[in-house]
PDB file of all heavy atoms in Angstrom:
ATOM      1  N   ARG A   1      29.473-123.653 -95.451  1.00  0.00           N
ATOM      2  CA  ARG A   1      30.287-124.765 -94.951  1.00  0.00           C
ATOM      3  C   ARG A   1      31.690-124.279 -94.580  1.00  0.00           C
ATOM      4  O   ARG A   1      32.220-124.621 -93.522  1.00  0.00           O
ATOM      5  CB  ARG A   1      30.380-125.873 -95.994  1.00  0.00           C
ATOM      6  CG  ARG A   1      31.097-127.119 -95.487  1.00  0.00           C
ATOM      7  CD  ARG A   1      31.415-128.066 -96.630  1.00  0.00           C
ATOM      8  NE  ARG A   1      30.230-128.585 -97.279  1.00  0.00           N
ATOM      9  CZ  ARG A   1      29.552-129.661 -96.883  1.00  0.00           C
ATOM     10  NH1 ARG A   1      29.953-130.316 -95.808  1.00  0.00           N
ATOM     11  NH2 ARG A   1      28.501-130.071 -97.555  1.00  0.00           N
ATOM     12  N   MET A   2      32.298-123.485 -95.465  1.00  0.00           N
ATOM     13  CA  MET A   2      33.638-122.980 -95.169  1.00  0.00           C
ATOM     14  C   MET A   2      33.620-122.079 -93.939  1.00  0.00           C
ATOM     15  O   MET A   2      34.540-122.127 -93.109  1.00  0.00           O
ATOM     16  CB  MET A   2      34.190-122.214 -96.369  1.00  0.00           C
ATOM     17  CG  MET A   2      34.444-123.065 -97.609  1.00  0.00           C
ATOM     18  SD  MET A   2      35.572-124.453 -97.367  1.00  0.00           S
ATOM     19  CE  MET A   2      34.408-125.828 -97.352  1.00  0.00           C
ATOM     20  N   ARG A   3      32.566-121.283 -93.807  1.00  0.00           N
ATOM     21  CA  ARG A   3      32.489-120.426 -92.617  1.00  0.00           C
ATOM     22  C   ARG A   3      32.366-121.260 -91.345  1.00  0.00           C
ATOM     23  O   ARG A   3      32.945-120.913 -90.303  1.00  0.00           O
ATOM     24  CB  ARG A   3      31.309-119.465 -92.736  1.00  0.00           C
ATOM     25  CG  ARG A   3      31.209-118.492 -91.542  1.00  0.00           C
ATOM     26  CD  ARG A   3      30.127-117.462 -91.712  1.00  0.00           C
ATOM     27  NE  ARG A   3      30.441-116.545 -92.793  1.00  0.00           N
ATOM     28  CZ  ARG A   3      29.829-116.541 -93.977  1.00  0.00           C
ATOM     29  NH1 ARG A   3      28.842-117.391 -94.217  1.00  0.00           N
ATOM     30  NH2 ARG A   3      30.188-115.702 -94.910  1.00  0.00           N
ATOM     31  N   SER A   4      31.639-122.368 -91.420  1.00  0.00           N
ATOM     32  CA  SER A   4      31.465-123.213 -90.236  1.00  0.00           C
ATOM     33  C   SER A   4      32.767-123.881 -89.824  1.00  0.00           C
ATOM     34  O   SER A   4      32.905-124.331 -88.682  1.00  0.00           O
ATOM     35  CB  SER A   4      30.389-124.271 -90.492  1.00  0.00           C
ATOM     36  OG  SER A   4      30.862-125.298 -91.361  1.00  0.00           O
ATOM     37  N   TRP A   5      33.721-123.981 -90.743  1.00  0.00           N
ATOM     38  CA  TRP A   5      35.004-124.595 -90.428  1.00  0.00           C
ATOM     39  C   TRP A   5      35.981-123.615 -89.773  1.00  0.00           C
ATOM     40  O   TRP A   5      37.038-124.025 -89.290  1.00  0.00           O
ATOM     41  CB  TRP A   5      35.636-125.155 -91.696  1.00  0.00           C
ATOM     42  CG  TRP A   5      34.986-126.420 -92.193  1.00  0.00           C
ATOM     43  CD1 TRP A   5      33.982-127.121 -91.601  1.00  0.00           C
ATOM     44  CD2 TRP A   5      35.311-127.129 -93.396  1.00  0.00           C
ATOM     45  NE1 TRP A   5      33.649-128.221 -92.350  1.00  0.00           N
ATOM     46  CE2 TRP A   5      34.445-128.260 -93.464  1.00  0.00           C
ATOM     47  CE3 TRP A   5      36.225-126.943 -94.420  1.00  0.00           C
ATOM     48  CZ2 TRP A   5      34.492-129.181 -94.505  1.00  0.00           C
ATOM     49  CZ3 TRP A   5      36.266-127.853 -95.466  1.00  0.00           C
ATOM     50  CH2 TRP A   5      35.423-128.955 -95.507  1.00  0.00           C
ATOM     51  N   ILE A   6      35.690-122.338 -89.786  1.00  0.00           N
ATOM     52  CA  ILE A   6      36.571-121.359 -89.143  1.00  0.00           C
ATOM     53  C   ILE A   6      36.427-121.491 -87.628  1.00  0.00           C
ATOM     54  O   ILE A   6      35.330-121.389 -87.092  1.00  0.00           O
ATOM     55  CB  ILE A   6      36.224-119.928 -89.589  1.00  0.00           C
ATOM     56  CG1 ILE A   6      36.442-119.783 -91.103  1.00  0.00           C
ATOM     57  CG2 ILE A   6      37.063-118.901 -88.834  1.00  0.00           C
ATOM     58  CD1 ILE A   6      35.975-118.457 -91.670  1.00  0.00           C
ATOM     59  N   PRO A   7      37.519-121.742 -86.914  1.00  0.00           N
ATOM     60  CA  PRO A   7      37.417-121.896 -85.449  1.00  0.00           C
ATOM     61  C   PRO A   7      36.826-120.657 -84.788  1.00  0.00           C
ATOM     62  O   PRO A   7      37.068-119.523 -85.214  1.00  0.00           O
ATOM     63  CB  PRO A   7      38.869-122.122 -85.021  1.00  0.00           C
ATOM     64  CG  PRO A   7      39.562-122.650 -86.257  1.00  0.00           C
ATOM     65  CD  PRO A   7      38.895-121.948 -87.403  1.00  0.00           C
ATOM     66  N   ALA A   8      36.060-120.886 -83.744  1.00  0.00           N
ATOM     67  CA  ALA A   8      35.403-119.776 -83.033  1.00  0.00           C
ATOM     68  C   ALA A   8      36.423-118.772 -82.520  1.00  0.00           C
ATOM     69  O   ALA A   8      36.153-117.563 -82.471  1.00  0.00           O
ATOM     70  CB  ALA A   8      34.557-120.325 -81.897  1.00  0.00           C
ATOM     71  N   ALA A   9      37.601-119.250 -82.154  1.00  0.00           N
ATOM     72  CA  ALA A   9      38.621-118.355 -81.614  1.00  0.00           C
ATOM     73  C   ALA A   9      39.210-117.447 -82.690  1.00  0.00           C
ATOM     74  O   ALA A   9      39.894-116.475 -82.368  1.00  0.00           O
ATOM     75  CB  ALA A   9      39.739-119.171 -80.964  1.00  0.00           C
ATOM     76  N   CYS A  10      38.969-117.772 -83.955  1.00  0.00           N
ATOM     77  CA  CYS A  10      39.493-116.977 -85.070  1.00  0.00           C
ATOM     78  C   CYS A  10      38.357-116.568 -85.991  1.00  0.00           C
ATOM     79  O   CYS A  10      38.477-116.633 -87.226  1.00  0.00           O
ATOM     80  CB  CYS A  10      40.527-117.779 -85.851  1.00  0.00           C
ATOM     81  SG  CYS A  10      41.930-118.332 -84.885  1.00  0.00           S
ATOM     82  N   ALA A  11      37.248-116.165 -85.404  1.00  0.00           N
ATOM     83  CA  ALA A  11      36.032-115.911 -86.180  1.00  0.00           C
ATOM     84  C   ALA A  11      36.188-114.789 -87.191  1.00  0.00           C
ATOM     85  O   ALA A  11      35.387-114.683 -88.128  1.00  0.00           O
ATOM     86  CB  ALA A  11      34.875-115.595 -85.227  1.00  0.00           C
ATOM     87  N   ASP A  12      37.214-113.951 -87.038  1.00  0.00           N
ATOM     88  CA  ASP A  12      37.373-112.832 -87.961  1.00  0.00           C
ATOM     89  C   ASP A  12      38.169-113.202 -89.211  1.00  0.00           C
ATOM     90  O   ASP A  12      38.420-112.337 -90.064  1.00  0.00           O
ATOM     91  CB  ASP A  12      38.036-111.653 -87.256  1.00  0.00           C
ATOM     92  CG  ASP A  12      39.411-111.991 -86.689  1.00  0.00           C
ATOM     93  OD1 ASP A  12      39.692-113.196 -86.477  1.00  0.00           O
ATOM     94  OD2 ASP A  12      40.201-111.069 -86.458  1.00  0.00           O
ATOM     95  N   ILE A  13      38.556-114.453 -89.366  1.00  0.00           N
ATOM     96  CA  ILE A  13      39.194-114.880 -90.611  1.00  0.00           C
ATOM     97  C   ILE A  13      38.181-114.747 -91.744  1.00  0.00           C
ATOM     98  O   ILE A  13      37.046-115.212 -91.636  1.00  0.00           O
ATOM     99  CB  ILE A  13      39.707-116.331 -90.500  1.00  0.00           C
ATOM    100  CG1 ILE A  13      40.930-116.384 -89.582  1.00  0.00           C
ATOM    101  CG2 ILE A  13      40.060-116.893 -91.879  1.00  0.00           C
ATOM    102  CD1 ILE A  13      41.471-117.781 -89.361  1.00  0.00           C
ATOM    103  N   GLY A  14      38.580-114.115 -92.809  1.00  0.00           N
ATOM    104  CA  GLY A  14      37.675-113.898 -93.923  1.00  0.00           C
ATOM    105  C   GLY A  14      37.670-115.063 -94.898  1.00  0.00           C
ATOM    106  O   GLY A  14      38.487-115.991 -94.812  1.00  0.00           O
ATOM    107  N   ILE A  15      36.746-115.019 -95.848  1.00  0.00           N
ATOM    108  CA  ILE A  15      36.639-116.014 -96.912  1.00  0.00           C
ATOM    109  C   ILE A  15      36.775-115.296 -98.243  1.00  0.00           C
ATOM    110  O   ILE A  15      36.067-114.319 -98.508  1.00  0.00           O
ATOM    111  CB  ILE A  15      35.298-116.765 -96.850  1.00  0.00           C
ATOM    112  CG1 ILE A  15      35.214-117.597 -95.567  1.00  0.00           C
ATOM    113  CG2 ILE A  15      35.124-117.659 -98.075  1.00  0.00           C
ATOM    114  CD1 ILE A  15      33.871-118.270 -95.376  1.00  0.00           C
ATOM    115  N   ALA A  16      37.703-115.782 -99.068  1.00  0.00           N
ATOM    116  CA  ALA A  16      37.906-115.222-100.402  1.00  0.00           C
ATOM    117  C   ALA A  16      37.655-116.299-101.441  1.00  0.00           C
ATOM    118  O   ALA A  16      38.032-117.456-101.247  1.00  0.00           O
ATOM    119  CB  ALA A  16      39.328-114.680-100.544  1.00  0.00           C
ATOM    120  N   ILE A  17      37.018-115.928-102.523  1.00  0.00           N
ATOM    121  CA  ILE A  17      36.867-116.818-103.678  1.00  0.00           C
ATOM    122  C   ILE A  17      37.599-116.131-104.824  1.00  0.00           C
ATOM    123  O   ILE A  17      37.037-115.304-105.536  1.00  0.00           O
ATOM    124  CB  ILE A  17      35.391-117.090-103.995  1.00  0.00           C
ATOM    125  CG1 ILE A  17      34.713-117.744-102.788  1.00  0.00           C
ATOM    126  CG2 ILE A  17      35.259-117.986-105.225  1.00  0.00           C
ATOM    127  CD1 ILE A  17      33.254-118.062-102.971  1.00  0.00           C
ATOM    128  N   THR A  18      38.878-116.473-104.959  1.00  0.00           N
ATOM    129  CA  THR A  18      39.742-115.706-105.858  1.00  0.00           C
ATOM    130  C   THR A  18      39.832-116.287-107.257  1.00  0.00           C
ATOM    131  O   THR A  18      40.585-115.766-108.087  1.00  0.00           O
ATOM    132  CB  THR A  18      41.155-115.554-105.257  1.00  0.00           C
ATOM    133  OG1 THR A  18      41.713-116.852-105.025  1.00  0.00           O
ATOM    134  CG2 THR A  18      41.082-114.777-103.953  1.00  0.00           C
ATOM    135  N   GLU A  19      39.085-117.353-107.514  1.00  0.00           N
ATOM    136  CA  GLU A  19      38.807-117.784-108.883  1.00  0.00           C
ATOM    137  C   GLU A  19      37.403-118.373-108.909  1.00  0.00           C
ATOM    138  O   GLU A  19      37.057-119.207-108.077  1.00  0.00           O
ATOM    139  CB  GLU A  19      39.809-118.840-109.391  1.00  0.00           C
ATOM    140  CG  GLU A  19      41.098-118.265-109.928  1.00  0.00           C
ATOM    141  CD  GLU A  19      41.920-119.300-110.687  1.00  0.00           C
ATOM    142  OE1 GLU A  19      41.322-120.272-111.202  1.00  0.00           O
ATOM    143  OE2 GLU A  19      43.152-119.125-110.756  1.00  0.00           O
ATOM    144  N   TYR A  20      36.636-117.931-109.882  1.00  0.00           N
ATOM    145  CA  TYR A  20      35.315-118.491-110.162  1.00  0.00           C
ATOM    146  C   TYR A  20      34.945-118.024-111.554  1.00  0.00           C
ATOM    147  O   TYR A  20      35.526-117.085-112.099  1.00  0.00           O
ATOM    148  CB  TYR A  20      34.265-118.020-109.139  1.00  0.00           C
ATOM    149  CG  TYR A  20      33.880-116.563-109.297  1.00  0.00           C
ATOM    150  CD1 TYR A  20      32.767-116.193-110.058  1.00  0.00           C
ATOM    151  CD2 TYR A  20      34.644-115.542-108.722  1.00  0.00           C
ATOM    152  CE1 TYR A  20      32.425-114.858-110.232  1.00  0.00           C
ATOM    153  CE2 TYR A  20      34.312-114.207-108.895  1.00  0.00           C
ATOM    154  CZ  TYR A  20      33.207-113.870-109.644  1.00  0.00           C
ATOM    155  OH  TYR A  20      32.871-112.553-109.827  1.00  0.00           O
ATOM    156  N   ASN A  21      33.977-118.673-112.133  1.00  0.00           N
ATOM    157  CA  ASN A  21      33.455-118.235-113.430  1.00  0.00           C
ATOM    158  C   ASN A  21      32.141-118.956-113.663  1.00  0.00           C
ATOM    159  O   ASN A  21      32.107-120.193-113.599  1.00  0.00           O
ATOM    160  CB  ASN A  21      34.446-118.537-114.558  1.00  0.00           C
ATOM    161  CG  ASN A  21      34.037-117.900-115.872  1.00  0.00           C
ATOM    162  OD1 ASN A  21      32.949-118.148-116.375  1.00  0.00           O
ATOM    163  ND2 ASN A  21      34.920-117.085-116.437  1.00  0.00           N
ATOM    164  N   TRP A  22      31.086-118.212-113.921  1.00  0.00           N
ATOM    165  CA  TRP A  22      29.764-118.808-114.079  1.00  0.00           C
ATOM    166  C   TRP A  22      29.223-118.675-115.498  1.00  0.00           C
ATOM    167  O   TRP A  22      28.038-118.502-115.704  1.00  0.00           O
ATOM    168  CB  TRP A  22      28.784-118.227-113.053  1.00  0.00           C
ATOM    169  CG  TRP A  22      28.324-119.313-112.131  1.00  0.00           C
ATOM    170  CD1 TRP A  22      27.225-120.116-112.282  1.00  0.00           C
ATOM    171  CD2 TRP A  22      28.967-119.742-110.936  1.00  0.00           C
ATOM    172  NE1 TRP A  22      27.161-121.033-111.256  1.00  0.00           N
ATOM    173  CE2 TRP A  22      28.209-120.823-110.412  1.00  0.00           C
ATOM    174  CE3 TRP A  22      30.113-119.346-110.258  1.00  0.00           C
ATOM    175  CZ2 TRP A  22      28.562-121.501-109.239  1.00  0.00           C
ATOM    176  CZ3 TRP A  22      30.469-120.007-109.101  1.00  0.00           C
ATOM    177  CH2 TRP A  22      29.696-121.063-108.595  1.00  0.00           C
ATOM    178  N   GLY A  23      30.104-118.796-116.473  1.00  0.00           N
ATOM    179  CA  GLY A  23      29.620-118.819-117.846  1.00  0.00           C
ATOM    180  C   GLY A  23      30.471-117.982-118.771  1.00  0.00           C
ATOM    181  O   GLY A  23      31.067-116.977-118.361  1.00  0.00           O
ATOM    182  N   PRO A  24      30.564-118.390-120.059  1.00  0.00           N
ATOM    183  CA  PRO A  24      31.316-117.615-121.044  1.00  0.00           C
ATOM    184  C   PRO A  24      30.806-116.181-121.157  1.00  0.00           C
ATOM    185  O   PRO A  24      29.644-115.882-120.876  1.00  0.00           O
ATOM    186  CB  PRO A  24      31.072-118.395-122.346  1.00  0.00           C
ATOM    187  CG  PRO A  24      30.762-119.795-121.898  1.00  0.00           C
ATOM    188  CD  PRO A  24      30.021-119.643-120.612  1.00  0.00           C
ATOM    189  N   ASP A  25      31.691-115.310-121.597  1.00  0.00           N
ATOM    190  CA  ASP A  25      31.428-113.872-121.575  1.00  0.00           C
ATOM    191  C   ASP A  25      30.148-113.475-122.303  1.00  0.00           C
ATOM    192  O   ASP A  25      29.472-112.534-121.886  1.00  0.00           O
ATOM    193  CB  ASP A  25      32.601-113.118-122.204  1.00  0.00           C
ATOM    194  CG  ASP A  25      33.831-113.109-121.326  1.00  0.00           C
ATOM    195  OD1 ASP A  25      33.779-113.673-120.217  1.00  0.00           O
ATOM    196  OD2 ASP A  25      34.862-112.551-121.748  1.00  0.00           O
ATOM    197  N   ASP A  26      29.819-114.135-123.399  1.00  0.00           N
ATOM    198  CA  ASP A  26      28.699-113.674-124.208  1.00  0.00           C
ATOM    199  C   ASP A  26      27.493-114.592-124.158  1.00  0.00           C
ATOM    200  O   ASP A  26      26.714-114.659-125.112  1.00  0.00           O
ATOM    201  CB  ASP A  26      29.139-113.438-125.653  1.00  0.00           C
ATOM    202  CG  ASP A  26      29.721-112.038-125.834  1.00  0.00           C
ATOM    203  OD1 ASP A  26      29.117-111.077-125.314  1.00  0.00           O
ATOM    204  OD2 ASP A  26      30.771-111.911-126.466  1.00  0.00           O
ATOM    205  N   THR A  27      27.302-115.282-123.048  1.00  0.00           N
ATOM    206  CA  THR A  27      26.059-116.031-122.842  1.00  0.00           C
ATOM    207  C   THR A  27      25.076-115.153-122.070  1.00  0.00           C
ATOM    208  O   THR A  27      25.463-114.436-121.146  1.00  0.00           O
ATOM    209  CB  THR A  27      26.306-117.332-122.071  1.00  0.00           C
ATOM    210  OG1 THR A  27      27.023-117.049-120.864  1.00  0.00           O
ATOM    211  CG2 THR A  27      27.095-118.320-122.906  1.00  0.00           C
ATOM    212  N   ASP A  28      23.810-115.229-122.446  1.00  0.00           N
ATOM    213  CA  ASP A  28      22.776-114.467-121.741  1.00  0.00           C
ATOM    214  C   ASP A  28      22.680-114.911-120.286  1.00  0.00           C
ATOM    215  O   ASP A  28      22.613-114.086-119.370  1.00  0.00           O
ATOM    216  CB  ASP A  28      21.426-114.657-122.429  1.00  0.00           C
ATOM    217  CG  ASP A  28      21.396-114.078-123.833  1.00  0.00           C
ATOM    218  OD1 ASP A  28      22.079-113.061-124.076  1.00  0.00           O
ATOM    219  OD2 ASP A  28      20.698-114.647-124.693  1.00  0.00           O
ATOM    220  N   SER A  29      22.664-116.229-120.075  1.00  0.00           N
ATOM    221  CA  SER A  29      22.541-116.729-118.713  1.00  0.00           C
ATOM    222  C   SER A  29      23.805-116.461-117.912  1.00  0.00           C
ATOM    223  O   SER A  29      23.747-116.269-116.692  1.00  0.00           O
ATOM    224  CB  SER A  29      22.233-118.226-118.719  1.00  0.00           C
ATOM    225  OG  SER A  29      23.237-118.962-119.389  1.00  0.00           O
ATOM    226  N   GLY A  30      24.973-116.425-118.591  1.00  0.00           N
ATOM    227  CA  GLY A  30      26.206-116.109-117.885  1.00  0.00           C
ATOM    228  C   GLY A  30      26.210-114.695-117.338  1.00  0.00           C
ATOM    229  O   GLY A  30      26.754-114.440-116.259  1.00  0.00           O
ATOM    230  N   ALA A  31      25.602-113.760-118.054  1.00  0.00           N
ATOM    231  CA  ALA A  31      25.511-112.381-117.566  1.00  0.00           C
ATOM    232  C   ALA A  31      24.645-112.300-116.320  1.00  0.00           C
ATOM    233  O   ALA A  31      24.989-111.640-115.339  1.00  0.00           O
ATOM    234  CB  ALA A  31      24.945-111.482-118.663  1.00  0.00           C
ATOM    235  N   VAL A  32      23.499-112.989-116.352  1.00  0.00           N
ATOM    236  CA  VAL A  32      22.613-112.993-115.182  1.00  0.00           C
ATOM    237  C   VAL A  32      23.278-113.728-114.029  1.00  0.00           C
ATOM    238  O   VAL A  32      23.201-113.298-112.864  1.00  0.00           O
ATOM    239  CB  VAL A  32      21.262-113.634-115.543  1.00  0.00           C
ATOM    240  CG1 VAL A  32      20.364-113.739-114.320  1.00  0.00           C
ATOM    241  CG2 VAL A  32      20.567-112.821-116.632  1.00  0.00           C
ATOM    242  N   ALA A  33      23.966-114.836-114.342  1.00  0.00           N
ATOM    243  CA  ALA A  33      24.657-115.587-113.292  1.00  0.00           C
ATOM    244  C   ALA A  33      25.750-114.752-112.648  1.00  0.00           C
ATOM    245  O   ALA A  33      25.977-114.841-111.436  1.00  0.00           O
ATOM    246  CB  ALA A  33      25.240-116.872-113.877  1.00  0.00           C
ATOM    247  N   GLN A  34      26.455-113.931-113.432  1.00  0.00           N
ATOM    248  CA  GLN A  34      27.492-113.073-112.862  1.00  0.00           C
ATOM    249  C   GLN A  34      26.890-112.085-111.865  1.00  0.00           C
ATOM    250  O   GLN A  34      27.425-111.887-110.772  1.00  0.00           O
ATOM    251  CB  GLN A  34      28.226-112.314-113.967  1.00  0.00           C
ATOM    252  CG  GLN A  34      29.314-111.373-113.462  1.00  0.00           C
ATOM    253  CD  GLN A  34      30.397-112.090-112.705  1.00  0.00           C
ATOM    254  OE1 GLN A  34      31.096-112.935-113.258  1.00  0.00           O
ATOM    255  NE2 GLN A  34      30.562-111.766-111.431  1.00  0.00           N
ATOM    256  N   ALA A  35      25.781-111.475-112.237  1.00  0.00           N
ATOM    257  CA  ALA A  35      25.118-110.546-111.312  1.00  0.00           C
ATOM    258  C   ALA A  35      24.676-111.280-110.050  1.00  0.00           C
ATOM    259  O   ALA A  35      24.864-110.777-108.929  1.00  0.00           O
ATOM    260  CB  ALA A  35      23.921-109.888-112.000  1.00  0.00           C
ATOM    261  N   GLU A  36      24.105-112.451-110.229  1.00  0.00           N
ATOM    262  CA  GLU A  36      23.622-113.192-109.060  1.00  0.00           C
ATOM    263  C   GLU A  36      24.774-113.659-108.177  1.00  0.00           C
ATOM    264  O   GLU A  36      24.670-113.640-106.944  1.00  0.00           O
ATOM    265  CB  GLU A  36      22.766-114.380-109.498  1.00  0.00           C
ATOM    266  CG  GLU A  36      22.230-115.178-108.332  1.00  0.00           C
ATOM    267  CD  GLU A  36      20.768-115.562-108.489  1.00  0.00           C
ATOM    268  OE1 GLU A  36      20.029-114.852-109.194  1.00  0.00           O
ATOM    269  OE2 GLU A  36      20.372-116.553-107.880  1.00  0.00           O
ATOM    270  N   ALA A  37      25.892-114.081-108.777  1.00  0.00           N
ATOM    271  CA  ALA A  37      27.045-114.498-107.986  1.00  0.00           C
ATOM    272  C   ALA A  37      27.520-113.361-107.085  1.00  0.00           C
ATOM    273  O   ALA A  37      27.833-113.574-105.905  1.00  0.00           O
ATOM    274  CB  ALA A  37      28.173-114.963-108.900  1.00  0.00           C
ATOM    275  N   LEU A  38      27.564-112.143-107.626  1.00  0.00           N
ATOM    276  CA  LEU A  38      27.982-110.999-106.804  1.00  0.00           C
ATOM    277  C   LEU A  38      26.981-110.731-105.689  1.00  0.00           C
ATOM    278  O   LEU A  38      27.365-110.364-104.569  1.00  0.00           O
ATOM    279  CB  LEU A  38      28.162-109.773-107.691  1.00  0.00           C
ATOM    280  CG  LEU A  38      29.300-109.867-108.719  1.00  0.00           C
ATOM    281  CD1 LEU A  38      29.292-108.652-109.636  1.00  0.00           C
ATOM    282  CD2 LEU A  38      30.651-110.028-108.035  1.00  0.00           C
ATOM    283  N   GLY A  39      25.681-110.905-105.975  1.00  0.00           N
ATOM    284  CA  GLY A  39      24.679-110.768-104.928  1.00  0.00           C
ATOM    285  C   GLY A  39      24.876-111.791-103.822  1.00  0.00           C
ATOM    286  O   GLY A  39      24.742-111.483-102.628  1.00  0.00           O
ATOM    287  N   ILE A  40      25.211-113.024-104.216  1.00  0.00           N
ATOM    288  CA  ILE A  40      25.464-114.081-103.232  1.00  0.00           C
ATOM    289  C   ILE A  40      26.700-113.752-102.405  1.00  0.00           C
ATOM    290  O   ILE A  40      26.692-113.892-101.172  1.00  0.00           O
ATOM    291  CB  ILE A  40      25.615-115.435-103.947  1.00  0.00           C
ATOM    292  CG1 ILE A  40      24.276-115.864-104.551  1.00  0.00           C
ATOM    293  CG2 ILE A  40      26.119-116.508-102.979  1.00  0.00           C
ATOM    294  CD1 ILE A  40      24.393-117.021-105.532  1.00  0.00           C
ATOM    295  N   PHE A  41      27.769-113.322-103.050  1.00  0.00           N
ATOM    296  CA  PHE A  41      28.983-112.974-102.311  1.00  0.00           C
ATOM    297  C   PHE A  41      28.706-111.878-101.286  1.00  0.00           C
ATOM    298  O   PHE A  41      29.208-111.922-100.153  1.00  0.00           O
ATOM    299  CB  PHE A  41      30.083-112.502-103.268  1.00  0.00           C
ATOM    300  CG  PHE A  41      30.582-113.554-104.226  1.00  0.00           C
ATOM    301  CD1 PHE A  41      31.234-113.184-105.393  1.00  0.00           C
ATOM    302  CD2 PHE A  41      30.413-114.900-103.973  1.00  0.00           C
ATOM    303  CE1 PHE A  41      31.703-114.136-106.285  1.00  0.00           C
ATOM    304  CE2 PHE A  41      30.875-115.878-104.857  1.00  0.00           C
ATOM    305  CZ  PHE A  41      31.519-115.487-106.015  1.00  0.00           C
TER     306      PHE A  41
END
């Protein structure tokens, strides 16, 4: 959605997600979610 909002004339504008967190440090699912989030990025 955010990429679709970038005007065609400025298509090289990047997207940064400079804060996120997908679970407390010592949750099993949080570890897997962290790996998957990086794969998605």
